[in-house]
Structures are given as C-alpha cells and as structure tokens.
C-alpha cells in the first residue's frame, strides 16, 4: 500500500460453495467493471477454510 491505494471488499452471503470456475467468472466480472482483481476467502465458523 506504499502507493496509498485503496482496498475495498464485499461479502457474498451463501456462496461458500462456489467452484473455482464461478470465482474466476466473478473475478472477470469485477475486472470488467474497473477492479484490479479479486481475492476470495472462505470462512467456516471462526476459521478460514480456504483463500485464493
């Protein structure tokens, strides 16, 4: 963040079972709307279960 960029996020409830392809499609969608990329983090209770 040395360039003083901004990190924004959003929650997508109920999408914990998205496939890798669905996450890739969502990434393409947000990039087409001006985002630089997308990171996805899965939570199960208080624990992180996966991170892409």
PDB file of N, CA and C in Angstrom:
ATOM      1  N   UNK A   1       0.813  -1.180   0.000  1.00  0.00           N
ATOM      2  CA  UNK A   1       0.000   0.000   0.000  1.00  0.00           C
ATOM      3  C   UNK A   1       0.865   1.254   0.000  1.00  0.00           C
ATOM      4  N   UNK A   2       2.120   1.108  -0.356  1.00  0.00           N
ATOM      5  CA  UNK A   2       3.001   2.272  -0.361  1.00  0.00           C
ATOM      6  C   UNK A   2       2.552   3.339  -1.354  1.00  0.00           C
ATOM      7  N   UNK A   3       1.775   2.957  -2.346  1.00  0.00           N
ATOM      8  CA  UNK A   3       1.278   3.944  -3.309  1.00  0.00           C
ATOM      9  C   UNK A   3      -0.028   4.568  -2.845  1.00  0.00           C
ATOM     10  N   UNK A   4      -0.390   4.327  -1.592  1.00  0.00           N
ATOM     11  CA  UNK A   4      -1.602   4.846  -0.969  1.00  0.00           C
ATOM     12  C   UNK A   4      -2.853   4.432  -1.736  1.00  0.00           C
ATOM     13  N   UNK A   5      -2.874   3.187  -2.193  1.00  0.00           N
ATOM     14  CA  UNK A   5      -4.051   2.657  -2.871  1.00  0.00           C
ATOM     15  C   UNK A   5      -5.165   2.381  -1.884  1.00  0.00           C
ATOM     16  N   UNK A   6      -6.265   1.940  -2.395  1.00  0.00           N
ATOM     17  CA  UNK A   6      -7.434   1.652  -1.574  1.00  0.00           C
ATOM     18  C   UNK A   6      -7.819   0.193  -1.776  1.00  0.00           C
ATOM     19  N   UNK A   7      -8.082  -0.498  -0.684  1.00  0.00           N
ATOM     20  CA  UNK A   7      -8.571  -1.866  -0.739  1.00  0.00           C
ATOM     21  C   UNK A   7     -10.035  -1.835  -0.351  1.00  0.00           C
ATOM     22  N   UNK A   8     -10.892  -2.357  -1.218  1.00  0.00           N
ATOM     23  CA  UNK A   8     -12.325  -2.419  -0.943  1.00  0.00           C
ATOM     24  C   UNK A   8     -12.745  -3.875  -0.952  1.00  0.00           C
ATOM     25  N   UNK A   9     -13.811  -4.161  -0.273  1.00  0.00           N
ATOM     26  CA  UNK A   9     -14.289  -5.530  -0.234  1.00  0.00           C
ATOM     27  C   UNK A   9     -15.793  -5.596  -0.164  1.00  0.00           C
ATOM     28  N   UNK A  10     -16.294  -6.780  -0.373  1.00  0.00           N
ATOM     29  CA  UNK A  10     -17.720  -7.026  -0.247  1.00  0.00           C
ATOM     30  C   UNK A  10     -17.928  -8.471   0.166  1.00  0.00           C
ATOM     31  N   UNK A  11     -19.043  -8.728   0.788  1.00  0.00           N
ATOM     32  CA  UNK A  11     -19.397 -10.067   1.258  1.00  0.00           C
ATOM     33  C   UNK A  11     -20.468 -10.616   0.327  1.00  0.00           C
ATOM     34  N   UNK A  12     -20.338 -11.891  -0.021  1.00  0.00           N
ATOM     35  CA  UNK A  12     -21.337 -12.546  -0.856  1.00  0.00           C
ATOM     36  C   UNK A  12     -21.905 -13.711  -0.050  1.00  0.00           C
ATOM     37  N   UNK A  13     -22.948 -13.452   0.757  1.00  0.00           N
ATOM     38  CA  UNK A  13     -23.515 -14.497   1.610  1.00  0.00           C
ATOM     39  C   UNK A  13     -24.053 -15.674   0.791  1.00  0.00           C
ATOM     40  N   UNK A  14     -23.869 -16.866   1.323  1.00  0.00           N
ATOM     41  CA  UNK A  14     -24.428 -18.060   0.699  1.00  0.00           C
ATOM     42  C   UNK A  14     -23.650 -18.596  -0.481  1.00  0.00           C
ATOM     43  N   UNK A  15     -22.478 -18.067  -0.736  1.00  0.00           N
ATOM     44  CA  UNK A  15     -21.694 -18.514  -1.891  1.00  0.00           C
ATOM     45  C   UNK A  15     -20.450 -19.276  -1.468  1.00  0.00           C
ATOM     46  N   UNK A  16     -20.486 -19.858  -0.285  1.00  0.00           N
ATOM     47  CA  UNK A  16     -19.329 -20.581   0.241  1.00  0.00           C
ATOM     48  C   UNK A  16     -18.970 -21.788  -0.604  1.00  0.00           C
ATOM     49  N   UNK A  17     -19.915 -22.285  -1.387  1.00  0.00           N
ATOM     50  CA  UNK A  17     -19.653 -23.485  -2.176  1.00  0.00           C
ATOM     51  C   UNK A  17     -19.377 -23.179  -3.650  1.00  0.00           C
ATOM     52  N   UNK A  18     -19.014 -21.930  -3.946  1.00  0.00           N
ATOM     53  CA  UNK A  18     -18.666 -21.576  -5.325  1.00  0.00           C
ATOM     54  C   UNK A  18     -17.513 -22.446  -5.801  1.00  0.00           C
ATOM     55  N   UNK A  19     -17.586 -22.852  -7.048  1.00  0.00           N
ATOM     56  CA  UNK A  19     -16.479 -23.593  -7.649  1.00  0.00           C
ATOM     57  C   UNK A  19     -15.384 -22.616  -8.062  1.00  0.00           C
ATOM     58  N   UNK A  20     -14.233 -23.151  -8.374  1.00  0.00           N
ATOM     59  CA  UNK A  20     -13.138 -22.297  -8.844  1.00  0.00           C
ATOM     60  C   UNK A  20     -13.562 -21.544 -10.104  1.00  0.00           C
ATOM     61  N   UNK A  21     -14.299 -22.216 -10.976  1.00  0.00           N
ATOM     62  CA  UNK A  21     -14.774 -21.576 -12.216  1.00  0.00           C
ATOM     63  C   UNK A  21     -15.701 -20.399 -11.906  1.00  0.00           C
ATOM     64  N   UNK A  22     -16.595 -20.558 -10.944  1.00  0.00           N
ATOM     65  CA  UNK A  22     -17.504 -19.472 -10.578  1.00  0.00           C
ATOM     66  C   UNK A  22     -16.730 -18.283  -9.999  1.00  0.00           C
ATOM     67  N   UNK A  23     -15.715 -18.566  -9.203  1.00  0.00           N
ATOM     68  CA  UNK A  23     -14.876 -17.492  -8.655  1.00  0.00           C
ATOM     69  C   UNK A  23     -14.123 -16.795  -9.784  1.00  0.00           C
ATOM     70  N   UNK A  24     -13.611 -17.568 -10.740  1.00  0.00           N
ATOM     71  CA  UNK A  24     -12.921 -16.972 -11.889  1.00  0.00           C
ATOM     72  C   UNK A  24     -13.869 -16.092 -12.700  1.00  0.00           C
ATOM     73  N   UNK A  25     -15.114 -16.543 -12.886  1.00  0.00           N
ATOM     74  CA  UNK A  25     -16.105 -15.738 -13.611  1.00  0.00           C
ATOM     75  C   UNK A  25     -16.400 -14.440 -12.865  1.00  0.00           C
ATOM     76  N   UNK A  26     -16.525 -14.518 -11.547  1.00  0.00           N
ATOM     77  CA  UNK A  26     -16.769 -13.318 -10.748  1.00  0.00           C
ATOM     78  C   UNK A  26     -15.575 -12.366 -10.831  1.00  0.00           C
ATOM     79  N   UNK A  27     -14.370 -12.920 -10.837  1.00  0.00           N
ATOM     80  CA  UNK A  27     -13.162 -12.106 -10.972  1.00  0.00           C
ATOM     81  C   UNK A  27     -13.162 -11.363 -12.305  1.00  0.00           C
ATOM     82  N   UNK A  28     -13.492 -12.061 -13.384  1.00  0.00           N
ATOM     83  CA  UNK A  28     -13.567 -11.416 -14.698  1.00  0.00           C
ATOM     84  C   UNK A  28     -14.610 -10.299 -14.692  1.00  0.00           C
ATOM     85  N   UNK A  29     -15.733 -10.533 -14.026  1.00  0.00           N
ATOM     86  CA  UNK A  29     -16.804  -9.538 -13.954  1.00  0.00           C
ATOM     87  C   UNK A  29     -16.333  -8.266 -13.254  1.00  0.00           C
ATOM     88  N   UNK A  30     -15.686  -8.410 -12.088  1.00  0.00           N
ATOM     89  CA  UNK A  30     -15.265  -7.209 -11.356  1.00  0.00           C
ATOM     90  C   UNK A  30     -14.148  -6.469 -12.091  1.00  0.00           C
ATOM     91  N   UNK A  31     -13.282  -7.200 -12.780  1.00  0.00           N
ATOM     92  CA  UNK A  31     -12.235  -6.557 -13.574  1.00  0.00           C
ATOM     93  C   UNK A  31     -12.858  -5.760 -14.713  1.00  0.00           C
ATOM     94  N   UNK A  32     -13.909  -6.303 -15.328  1.00  0.00           N
ATOM     95  CA  UNK A  32     -14.567  -5.589 -16.429  1.00  0.00           C
ATOM     96  C   UNK A  32     -15.262  -4.319 -15.949  1.00  0.00           C
ATOM     97  N   UNK A  33     -15.456  -4.205 -14.629  1.00  0.00           N
ATOM     98  CA  UNK A  33     -16.077  -3.013 -14.055  1.00  0.00           C
ATOM     99  C   UNK A  33     -15.063  -2.125 -13.331  1.00  0.00           C
ATOM    100  N   UNK A  34     -13.772  -2.314 -13.636  1.00  0.00           N
ATOM    101  CA  UNK A  34     -12.755  -1.398 -13.144  1.00  0.00           C
ATOM    102  C   UNK A  34     -11.908  -1.867 -11.979  1.00  0.00           C
ATOM    103  N   UNK A  35     -12.204  -3.027 -11.409  1.00  0.00           N
ATOM    104  CA  UNK A  35     -11.384  -3.534 -10.304  1.00  0.00           C
ATOM    105  C   UNK A  35     -10.058  -4.054 -10.847  1.00  0.00           C
ATOM    106  N   UNK A  36      -9.065  -4.114  -9.994  1.00  0.00           N
ATOM    107  CA  UNK A  36      -7.757  -4.648 -10.384  1.00  0.00           C
ATOM    108  C   UNK A  36      -7.712  -6.161 -10.244  1.00  0.00           C
ATOM    109  N   UNK A  37      -8.601  -6.709  -9.436  1.00  0.00           N
ATOM    110  CA  UNK A  37      -8.626  -8.139  -9.208  1.00  0.00           C
ATOM    111  C   UNK A  37      -9.569  -8.477  -8.078  1.00  0.00           C
ATOM    112  N   UNK A  38      -9.513  -9.710  -7.648  1.00  0.00           N
ATOM    113  CA  UNK A  38     -10.415 -10.195  -6.614  1.00  0.00           C
ATOM    114  C   UNK A  38      -9.691 -11.249  -5.791  1.00  0.00           C
ATOM    115  N   UNK A  39      -9.867 -11.203  -4.500  1.00  0.00           N
ATOM    116  CA  UNK A  39      -9.368 -12.255  -3.623  1.00  0.00           C
ATOM    117  C   UNK A  39     -10.578 -12.866  -2.944  1.00  0.00           C
ATOM    118  N   UNK A  40     -10.576 -14.170  -2.797  1.00  0.00           N
ATOM    119  CA  UNK A  40     -11.698 -14.822  -2.129  1.00  0.00           C
ATOM    120  C   UNK A  40     -11.186 -15.571  -0.909  1.00  0.00           C
ATOM    121  N   UNK A  41     -11.919 -15.438   0.167  1.00  0.00           N
ATOM    122  CA  UNK A  41     -11.572 -16.070   1.438  1.00  0.00           C
ATOM    123  C   UNK A  41     -12.805 -16.800   1.935  1.00  0.00           C
ATOM    124  N   UNK A  42     -12.661 -18.069   2.275  1.00  0.00           N
ATOM    125  CA  UNK A  42     -13.779 -18.844   2.793  1.00  0.00           C
ATOM    126  C   UNK A  42     -13.672 -19.010   4.298  1.00  0.00           C
ATOM    127  N   UNK A  43     -14.779 -18.805   4.983  1.00  0.00           N
ATOM    128  CA  UNK A  43     -14.827 -18.965   6.436  1.00  0.00           C
ATOM    129  C   UNK A  43     -15.808 -20.067   6.796  1.00  0.00           C
ATOM    130  N   UNK A  44     -15.445 -20.865   7.766  1.00  0.00           N
ATOM    131  CA  UNK A  44     -16.343 -21.864   8.326  1.00  0.00           C
ATOM    132  C   UNK A  44     -16.280 -21.679   9.829  1.00  0.00           C
ATOM    133  N   UNK A  45     -17.283 -21.057  10.390  1.00  0.00           N
ATOM    134  CA  UNK A  45     -17.227 -20.697  11.801  1.00  0.00           C
ATOM    135  C   UNK A  45     -16.162 -19.633  11.994  1.00  0.00           C
ATOM    136  N   UNK A  46     -15.334 -19.776  13.008  1.00  0.00           N
ATOM    137  CA  UNK A  46     -14.308 -18.765  13.260  1.00  0.00           C
ATOM    138  C   UNK A  46     -13.013 -19.008  12.476  1.00  0.00           C
ATOM    139  N   UNK A  47     -12.991 -20.009  11.591  1.00  0.00           N
ATOM    140  CA  UNK A  47     -11.752 -20.397  10.917  1.00  0.00           C
ATOM    141  C   UNK A  47     -11.793 -20.088   9.423  1.00  0.00           C
ATOM    142  N   UNK A  48     -10.651 -19.675   8.879  1.00  0.00           N
ATOM    143  CA  UNK A  48     -10.515 -19.533   7.428  1.00  0.00           C
ATOM    144  C   UNK A  48     -10.306 -20.926   6.868  1.00  0.00           C
ATOM    145  N   UNK A  49     -11.125 -21.327   5.885  1.00  0.00           N
ATOM    146  CA  UNK A  49     -11.014 -22.667   5.321  1.00  0.00           C
ATOM    147  C   UNK A  49     -10.264 -22.691   4.000  1.00  0.00           C
ATOM    148  N   UNK A  50     -10.265 -21.587   3.271  1.00  0.00           N
ATOM    149  CA  UNK A  50      -9.511 -21.500   2.025  1.00  0.00           C
ATOM    150  C   UNK A  50      -9.308 -20.053   1.652  1.00  0.00           C
ATOM    151  N   UNK A  51      -8.314 -19.834   0.832  1.00  0.00           N
ATOM    152  CA  UNK A  51      -8.022 -18.485   0.379  1.00  0.00           C
ATOM    153  C   UNK A  51      -7.406 -18.577  -1.004  1.00  0.00           C
ATOM    154  N   UNK A  52      -7.932 -17.816  -1.940  1.00  0.00           N
ATOM    155  CA  UNK A  52      -7.419 -17.845  -3.313  1.00  0.00           C
ATOM    156  C   UNK A  52      -6.856 -16.489  -3.623  1.00  0.00           C
TER     157      UNK A  52
END
